[in-house]
C-alpha cells in the first residue's frame, strides 16, 4: 500500500523528535545539582524527553490520518519557531531567564496569530509564571540577568 506524503512527513518528524528526546536525555546527565537542591536541573529535560520519545515512536509506527502537507505559511511558522527556540537557548545564559523568556514567549504568541496588544501582557504573565514555578515551586535556579544576583 502506497503511503501519502503526510505519512512520510509524520515518520520523518517522529525520527527527528526521537533523536531530540534521546539527545536531551543524554545531555541532561551533565547538569550538576546545587547544594541542598532536591530536584536537579537535569530532571526537567528527562521529564520532557520520556513522553516526547514515546510519542515520537507512536508517530513512526502509526502516522496520522492527515495526508496533506502543511501549507507554506504553516511551514514558515514552524521554521520560525525552531529558529526562535535556538536563539532562546543561545541567549538564556548571557541575558538571563527573564528577558530571554519574555522575548521568546511573546514572539511565540505572535507566531500563533495574536496581536502585540495580546502578546505582550500574556507573554509577561507566562514568563513570570514560569519563573515562579521553576525558582520557587520546583527549586530549580534559572540564569539571572547580568548584574542582578537576587
N, C-alpha and C. Protein backbone atom coordinates (compact mmCIF):
# COMPACT_ATOMS: atom_id res chain seq x y z
N UNK A 1 0.84 -1.17 0.00
CA UNK A 1 0.00 0.00 0.00
C UNK A 1 0.90 1.24 0.00
N UNK A 2 0.58 2.19 -0.88
CA UNK A 2 1.38 3.38 -1.02
C UNK A 2 1.00 4.40 0.05
N UNK A 3 2.03 4.98 0.72
CA UNK A 3 1.79 5.96 1.76
C UNK A 3 1.71 7.35 1.16
N UNK A 4 0.91 8.20 1.77
CA UNK A 4 0.82 9.59 1.35
C UNK A 4 2.00 10.40 1.87
N UNK A 5 2.12 11.61 1.36
CA UNK A 5 3.19 12.50 1.77
C UNK A 5 3.10 12.80 3.26
N UNK A 6 1.89 12.93 3.79
CA UNK A 6 1.70 13.22 5.21
C UNK A 6 2.23 12.12 6.10
N UNK A 7 2.04 10.85 5.69
CA UNK A 7 2.53 9.73 6.49
C UNK A 7 4.06 9.72 6.52
N UNK A 8 4.68 10.01 5.39
CA UNK A 8 6.14 10.08 5.34
C UNK A 8 6.61 11.25 6.21
N UNK A 9 5.93 12.38 6.12
CA UNK A 9 6.26 13.53 6.96
C UNK A 9 6.13 13.23 8.44
N UNK A 10 5.08 12.49 8.81
CA UNK A 10 4.90 12.11 10.21
C UNK A 10 6.05 11.22 10.68
N UNK A 11 6.44 10.29 9.84
CA UNK A 11 7.53 9.39 10.22
C UNK A 11 8.86 10.12 10.33
N UNK A 12 9.13 11.03 9.39
CA UNK A 12 10.36 11.82 9.45
C UNK A 12 10.35 12.68 10.72
N UNK A 13 9.21 13.29 11.01
CA UNK A 13 9.08 14.09 12.23
C UNK A 13 9.29 13.22 13.46
N UNK A 14 8.72 12.02 13.45
CA UNK A 14 8.90 11.10 14.57
C UNK A 14 10.36 10.74 14.80
N UNK A 15 11.10 10.50 13.73
CA UNK A 15 12.52 10.16 13.85
C UNK A 15 13.30 11.36 14.41
N UNK A 16 13.02 12.55 13.89
CA UNK A 16 13.71 13.76 14.37
C UNK A 16 13.41 13.98 15.85
N UNK A 17 12.13 13.86 16.24
CA UNK A 17 11.76 14.07 17.64
C UNK A 17 12.35 12.99 18.55
N UNK A 18 12.46 11.77 18.06
CA UNK A 18 13.08 10.70 18.84
C UNK A 18 14.56 11.02 19.08
N UNK A 19 15.23 11.55 18.06
CA UNK A 19 16.63 11.96 18.24
C UNK A 19 16.74 13.11 19.24
N UNK A 20 15.84 14.07 19.16
CA UNK A 20 15.84 15.18 20.11
C UNK A 20 15.63 14.66 21.53
N UNK A 21 14.70 13.74 21.71
CA UNK A 21 14.45 13.17 23.04
C UNK A 21 15.67 12.42 23.56
N UNK A 22 16.32 11.65 22.71
CA UNK A 22 17.50 10.90 23.13
C UNK A 22 18.65 11.83 23.50
N UNK A 23 18.88 12.86 22.70
CA UNK A 23 19.96 13.81 22.99
C UNK A 23 19.64 14.58 24.27
N UNK A 24 18.40 15.00 24.46
CA UNK A 24 18.02 15.72 25.69
C UNK A 24 18.25 14.84 26.91
N UNK A 25 17.87 13.58 26.81
CA UNK A 25 18.08 12.66 27.92
C UNK A 25 19.57 12.50 28.22
N UNK A 26 20.35 12.30 27.17
CA UNK A 26 21.79 12.09 27.32
C UNK A 26 22.47 13.32 27.92
N UNK A 27 22.18 14.50 27.39
CA UNK A 27 22.83 15.72 27.86
C UNK A 27 22.35 16.15 29.25
N UNK A 28 21.17 15.72 29.65
CA UNK A 28 20.65 16.12 30.96
C UNK A 28 21.47 15.53 32.10
N UNK A 29 22.24 14.50 31.85
CA UNK A 29 23.05 13.90 32.90
C UNK A 29 24.28 14.74 33.22
N UNK A 30 24.63 15.69 32.36
CA UNK A 30 25.78 16.55 32.61
C UNK A 30 25.46 17.74 33.51
N UNK A 31 24.18 18.00 33.77
CA UNK A 31 23.80 19.13 34.61
C UNK A 31 24.07 18.77 36.07
N UNK A 32 24.72 19.68 36.78
CA UNK A 32 25.04 19.41 38.18
C UNK A 32 24.03 20.09 39.09
N UNK A 33 23.73 19.44 40.18
CA UNK A 33 22.79 19.98 41.16
C UNK A 33 23.55 20.84 42.16
N UNK A 34 22.86 21.87 42.63
CA UNK A 34 23.43 22.71 43.68
C UNK A 34 23.29 22.03 45.03
N UNK A 35 24.00 22.56 46.01
CA UNK A 35 23.95 22.00 47.36
C UNK A 35 22.54 22.11 47.93
N UNK A 36 22.01 21.03 48.42
CA UNK A 36 20.69 21.00 49.03
C UNK A 36 19.54 21.07 48.04
N UNK A 37 19.84 20.95 46.77
CA UNK A 37 18.80 21.04 45.74
C UNK A 37 18.13 19.67 45.62
N UNK A 38 16.83 19.64 45.87
CA UNK A 38 16.12 18.36 45.86
C UNK A 38 15.94 17.82 44.45
N UNK A 39 15.62 18.71 43.52
CA UNK A 39 15.46 18.30 42.13
C UNK A 39 16.55 19.00 41.33
N UNK A 40 17.40 18.24 40.70
CA UNK A 40 18.47 18.84 39.92
C UNK A 40 17.96 19.38 38.60
N UNK A 41 18.78 20.18 37.92
CA UNK A 41 18.36 20.77 36.66
C UNK A 41 18.19 19.75 35.53
N UNK A 42 18.72 18.57 35.70
CA UNK A 42 18.56 17.53 34.68
C UNK A 42 17.21 16.84 34.72
N UNK A 43 16.45 17.06 35.77
CA UNK A 43 15.15 16.39 35.91
C UNK A 43 14.16 16.86 34.85
N UNK A 44 14.14 18.14 34.57
CA UNK A 44 13.15 18.66 33.62
C UNK A 44 13.39 18.12 32.20
N UNK A 45 14.63 18.16 31.66
CA UNK A 45 14.81 17.58 30.33
C UNK A 45 14.46 16.09 30.28
N UNK A 46 14.76 15.36 31.34
CA UNK A 46 14.41 13.94 31.35
C UNK A 46 12.90 13.76 31.42
N UNK A 47 12.24 14.62 32.20
CA UNK A 47 10.79 14.57 32.33
C UNK A 47 10.11 14.84 30.99
N UNK A 48 10.68 15.72 30.19
CA UNK A 48 10.12 16.04 28.88
C UNK A 48 10.51 14.99 27.84
N UNK A 49 11.72 14.45 27.95
CA UNK A 49 12.20 13.54 26.90
C UNK A 49 11.48 12.19 26.91
N UNK A 50 10.99 11.74 28.05
CA UNK A 50 10.30 10.44 28.09
C UNK A 50 9.00 10.47 27.28
N UNK A 51 8.06 11.39 27.57
CA UNK A 51 6.85 11.41 26.73
C UNK A 51 7.14 11.79 25.29
N UNK A 52 8.13 12.67 25.07
CA UNK A 52 8.48 13.03 23.70
C UNK A 52 8.96 11.80 22.94
N UNK A 53 9.79 10.98 23.57
CA UNK A 53 10.26 9.75 22.93
C UNK A 53 9.14 8.77 22.65
N UNK A 54 8.24 8.62 23.61
CA UNK A 54 7.11 7.70 23.41
C UNK A 54 6.18 8.18 22.30
N UNK A 55 5.88 9.47 22.30
CA UNK A 55 5.00 10.00 21.25
C UNK A 55 5.67 9.95 19.88
N UNK A 56 6.98 10.15 19.83
CA UNK A 56 7.66 10.06 18.54
C UNK A 56 7.67 8.62 18.02
N UNK A 57 7.80 7.65 18.92
CA UNK A 57 7.70 6.24 18.49
C UNK A 57 6.32 5.95 17.93
N UNK A 58 5.30 6.53 18.55
CA UNK A 58 3.93 6.35 18.05
C UNK A 58 3.78 6.97 16.66
N UNK A 59 4.38 8.15 16.46
CA UNK A 59 4.32 8.78 15.14
C UNK A 59 5.00 7.93 14.07
N UNK A 60 6.09 7.29 14.45
CA UNK A 60 6.80 6.44 13.50
C UNK A 60 5.97 5.20 13.16
N UNK A 61 5.41 4.57 14.19
CA UNK A 61 4.67 3.33 13.99
C UNK A 61 3.31 3.55 13.35
N UNK A 62 2.62 4.63 13.73
CA UNK A 62 1.27 4.87 13.23
C UNK A 62 1.12 6.34 12.84
N UNK A 63 1.55 6.67 11.65
CA UNK A 63 1.42 8.07 11.21
C UNK A 63 -0.04 8.49 11.16
N UNK A 64 -0.27 9.78 11.29
CA UNK A 64 -1.62 10.31 11.37
C UNK A 64 -2.43 10.13 10.10
N UNK A 65 -3.70 10.43 10.22
CA UNK A 65 -4.61 10.28 9.09
C UNK A 65 -4.60 11.50 8.18
N UNK A 66 -4.00 12.59 8.64
CA UNK A 66 -3.93 13.81 7.84
C UNK A 66 -2.88 13.60 6.76
N UNK A 67 -3.29 13.35 5.56
CA UNK A 67 -2.37 13.01 4.49
C UNK A 67 -2.00 14.18 3.59
N UNK A 68 -2.15 15.39 4.08
CA UNK A 68 -1.75 16.53 3.26
C UNK A 68 -0.59 17.24 3.93
N UNK A 69 0.29 17.77 3.12
CA UNK A 69 1.45 18.50 3.59
C UNK A 69 1.00 19.89 4.04
N UNK A 70 1.58 20.43 5.11
CA UNK A 70 1.17 21.77 5.56
C UNK A 70 1.43 22.83 4.50
N UNK A 71 0.63 23.88 4.55
CA UNK A 71 0.80 24.98 3.61
C UNK A 71 2.12 25.70 3.89
N UNK A 72 2.54 26.49 2.94
CA UNK A 72 3.82 27.19 3.04
C UNK A 72 3.87 28.09 4.27
N UNK A 73 2.78 28.79 4.57
CA UNK A 73 2.77 29.69 5.74
C UNK A 73 2.93 28.91 7.04
N UNK A 74 2.32 27.73 7.12
CA UNK A 74 2.46 26.91 8.32
C UNK A 74 3.88 26.38 8.46
N UNK A 75 4.50 25.98 7.36
CA UNK A 75 5.89 25.53 7.41
C UNK A 75 6.82 26.68 7.81
N UNK A 76 6.55 27.87 7.32
CA UNK A 76 7.36 29.03 7.67
C UNK A 76 7.23 29.35 9.17
N UNK A 77 6.02 29.25 9.72
CA UNK A 77 5.82 29.46 11.17
C UNK A 77 6.57 28.41 11.98
N UNK A 78 6.53 27.17 11.52
CA UNK A 78 7.24 26.10 12.23
C UNK A 78 8.74 26.33 12.20
N UNK A 79 9.27 26.72 11.05
CA UNK A 79 10.69 27.01 10.94
C UNK A 79 11.06 28.20 11.83
N UNK A 80 10.22 29.22 11.83
CA UNK A 80 10.45 30.40 12.67
C UNK A 80 10.47 30.01 14.15
N UNK A 81 9.60 29.12 14.54
CA UNK A 81 9.55 28.66 15.92
C UNK A 81 10.83 27.93 16.30
N UNK A 82 11.33 27.07 15.41
CA UNK A 82 12.58 26.36 15.68
C UNK A 82 13.75 27.33 15.81
N UNK A 83 13.82 28.32 14.92
CA UNK A 83 14.88 29.32 14.99
C UNK A 83 14.77 30.11 16.29
N UNK A 84 13.55 30.48 16.66
CA UNK A 84 13.32 31.22 17.89
C UNK A 84 13.79 30.42 19.11
N UNK A 85 13.51 29.14 19.14
CA UNK A 85 13.94 28.30 20.26
C UNK A 85 15.46 28.16 20.31
N UNK A 86 16.11 28.11 19.16
CA UNK A 86 17.57 28.05 19.14
C UNK A 86 18.18 29.36 19.64
N UNK A 87 17.58 30.49 19.23
CA UNK A 87 18.04 31.79 19.72
C UNK A 87 17.85 31.87 21.23
N UNK A 88 16.72 31.37 21.73
CA UNK A 88 16.46 31.34 23.17
C UNK A 88 17.55 30.56 23.90
N UNK A 89 17.89 29.40 23.37
CA UNK A 89 18.91 28.57 24.01
C UNK A 89 20.26 29.29 24.02
N UNK A 90 20.55 30.06 23.00
CA UNK A 90 21.81 30.77 22.95
C UNK A 90 21.85 32.02 23.81
N UNK A 91 20.71 32.64 24.08
CA UNK A 91 20.67 33.90 24.82
C UNK A 91 20.37 33.75 26.31
N UNK A 92 19.88 32.60 26.73
CA UNK A 92 19.44 32.47 28.13
C UNK A 92 20.60 32.62 29.11
N UNK A 93 21.76 32.12 28.78
CA UNK A 93 22.89 32.22 29.69
C UNK A 93 23.43 33.67 29.77
N UNK A 94 23.70 34.33 28.64
CA UNK A 94 24.25 35.69 28.76
C UNK A 94 23.24 36.74 29.21
N UNK A 95 21.96 36.60 28.85
CA UNK A 95 20.97 37.62 29.20
C UNK A 95 20.15 37.29 30.43
N UNK A 96 20.09 36.02 30.81
CA UNK A 96 19.27 35.60 31.93
C UNK A 96 17.91 35.11 31.47
N UNK A 97 17.21 34.45 32.38
CA UNK A 97 15.93 33.84 32.03
C UNK A 97 14.85 34.85 31.72
N UNK A 98 14.67 35.84 32.60
CA UNK A 98 13.52 36.74 32.46
C UNK A 98 13.46 37.48 31.12
N UNK A 99 14.50 38.20 30.71
CA UNK A 99 14.38 38.90 29.42
C UNK A 99 14.31 37.95 28.23
N UNK A 100 15.07 36.86 28.30
CA UNK A 100 15.08 35.91 27.19
C UNK A 100 13.73 35.21 27.06
N UNK A 101 13.17 34.78 28.17
CA UNK A 101 11.87 34.10 28.13
C UNK A 101 10.77 35.07 27.72
N UNK A 102 10.82 36.30 28.20
CA UNK A 102 9.80 37.29 27.81
C UNK A 102 9.82 37.50 26.30
N UNK A 103 10.99 37.68 25.74
CA UNK A 103 11.11 37.86 24.30
C UNK A 103 10.61 36.63 23.55
N UNK A 104 11.06 35.46 23.97
CA UNK A 104 10.70 34.22 23.29
C UNK A 104 9.21 33.92 23.38
N UNK A 105 8.66 34.01 24.58
CA UNK A 105 7.24 33.69 24.76
C UNK A 105 6.36 34.68 23.99
N UNK A 106 6.71 35.96 24.05
CA UNK A 106 5.92 36.96 23.34
C UNK A 106 5.96 36.72 21.84
N UNK A 107 7.13 36.42 21.30
CA UNK A 107 7.23 36.14 19.86
C UNK A 107 6.52 34.84 19.49
N UNK A 108 6.53 33.86 20.38
CA UNK A 108 5.79 32.62 20.13
C UNK A 108 4.29 32.90 20.05
N UNK A 109 3.80 33.71 20.96
CA UNK A 109 2.39 34.06 20.95
C UNK A 109 2.04 34.79 19.65
N UNK A 110 2.94 35.65 19.20
CA UNK A 110 2.73 36.36 17.93
C UNK A 110 2.72 35.37 16.76
N UNK A 111 3.59 34.37 16.80
CA UNK A 111 3.61 33.38 15.72
C UNK A 111 2.29 32.63 15.61
N UNK A 112 1.58 32.50 16.72
CA UNK A 112 0.29 31.82 16.70
C UNK A 112 -0.87 32.75 16.37
N UNK A 113 -0.55 33.99 15.96
CA UNK A 113 -1.57 34.88 15.42
C UNK A 113 -2.09 35.96 16.33
N UNK A 114 -1.56 36.11 17.51
CA UNK A 114 -2.04 37.16 18.42
C UNK A 114 -1.46 38.51 18.01
N UNK A 115 -2.15 39.56 18.40
CA UNK A 115 -1.64 40.91 18.16
C UNK A 115 -0.60 41.24 19.23
N UNK A 116 0.15 42.32 19.01
CA UNK A 116 1.12 42.75 20.02
C UNK A 116 0.41 43.10 21.32
N UNK A 117 -0.77 43.67 21.20
CA UNK A 117 -1.54 44.07 22.38
C UNK A 117 -1.94 42.85 23.22
N UNK A 118 -2.13 41.73 22.58
CA UNK A 118 -2.45 40.49 23.31
C UNK A 118 -1.17 39.79 23.75
N UNK A 119 -0.16 39.78 22.89
CA UNK A 119 1.05 39.00 23.14
C UNK A 119 1.88 39.53 24.31
N UNK A 120 2.02 40.84 24.42
CA UNK A 120 2.88 41.40 25.46
C UNK A 120 2.40 41.10 26.89
N UNK A 121 1.14 41.39 27.23
CA UNK A 121 0.74 41.10 28.62
C UNK A 121 0.71 39.60 28.93
N UNK A 122 0.27 38.79 27.97
CA UNK A 122 0.24 37.35 28.23
C UNK A 122 1.65 36.76 28.23
N UNK A 123 2.54 37.31 27.42
CA UNK A 123 3.94 36.88 27.45
C UNK A 123 4.57 37.20 28.79
N UNK A 124 4.26 38.37 29.33
CA UNK A 124 4.78 38.77 30.64
C UNK A 124 4.22 37.85 31.73
N UNK A 125 2.91 37.60 31.71
CA UNK A 125 2.30 36.72 32.72
C UNK A 125 2.86 35.30 32.66
N UNK A 126 3.01 34.78 31.45
CA UNK A 126 3.54 33.42 31.31
C UNK A 126 4.99 33.35 31.76
N UNK A 127 5.78 34.36 31.40
CA UNK A 127 7.19 34.39 31.81
C UNK A 127 7.30 34.43 33.33
N UNK A 128 6.55 35.30 33.97
CA UNK A 128 6.59 35.39 35.43
C UNK A 128 6.10 34.09 36.07
N UNK A 129 5.06 33.50 35.49
CA UNK A 129 4.56 32.22 36.00
C UNK A 129 5.60 31.12 35.90
N UNK A 130 6.30 31.05 34.77
CA UNK A 130 7.36 30.05 34.61
C UNK A 130 8.50 30.30 35.59
N UNK A 131 8.84 31.57 35.76
CA UNK A 131 9.91 31.91 36.71
C UNK A 131 9.56 31.46 38.12
N UNK A 132 8.35 31.79 38.56
CA UNK A 132 7.91 31.40 39.90
C UNK A 132 7.84 29.88 40.05
N UNK A 133 7.37 29.20 39.01
CA UNK A 133 7.28 27.74 39.04
C UNK A 133 8.65 27.11 39.22
N UNK A 134 9.61 27.50 38.38
CA UNK A 134 10.92 26.85 38.43
C UNK A 134 11.74 27.29 39.64
N UNK A 135 11.76 28.58 39.93
CA UNK A 135 12.58 29.09 41.03
C UNK A 135 12.06 28.67 42.39
N UNK A 136 10.76 28.80 42.60
CA UNK A 136 10.23 28.62 43.95
C UNK A 136 9.49 27.30 44.14
N UNK A 137 8.62 26.92 43.22
CA UNK A 137 7.86 25.68 43.40
C UNK A 137 8.74 24.44 43.19
N UNK A 138 9.58 24.47 42.14
CA UNK A 138 10.44 23.31 41.87
C UNK A 138 11.85 23.45 42.45
N UNK A 139 12.20 24.65 42.88
CA UNK A 139 13.52 24.87 43.46
C UNK A 139 14.65 24.74 42.46
N UNK A 140 14.38 25.03 41.20
CA UNK A 140 15.40 24.92 40.15
C UNK A 140 15.86 26.33 39.77
N UNK A 141 17.10 26.68 40.10
CA UNK A 141 17.56 28.03 39.80
C UNK A 141 17.68 28.27 38.29
N UNK A 142 17.27 29.46 37.89
CA UNK A 142 17.34 29.86 36.49
C UNK A 142 18.44 30.91 36.35
N UNK A 143 19.01 31.05 35.14
CA UNK A 143 20.06 32.06 34.96
C UNK A 143 19.53 33.48 35.23
N UNK A 144 20.29 34.22 36.05
CA UNK A 144 19.92 35.60 36.38
C UNK A 144 20.37 36.54 35.29
N UNK A 145 19.73 37.71 35.25
CA UNK A 145 20.16 38.77 34.35
C UNK A 145 21.52 39.25 34.82
N UNK A 146 22.37 39.70 33.91
CA UNK A 146 23.69 40.20 34.32
C UNK A 146 23.54 41.33 35.34
N UNK A 147 24.29 41.24 36.43
CA UNK A 147 24.26 42.27 37.46
C UNK A 147 23.08 42.18 38.41
N UNK A 148 22.23 41.17 38.26
CA UNK A 148 21.03 41.06 39.12
C UNK A 148 21.04 39.71 39.85
N UNK A 149 21.97 39.52 40.73
CA UNK A 149 22.02 38.29 41.51
C UNK A 149 21.14 38.44 42.74
N UNK A 150 19.95 37.87 42.70
CA UNK A 150 18.96 38.05 43.76
C UNK A 150 19.24 37.09 44.84
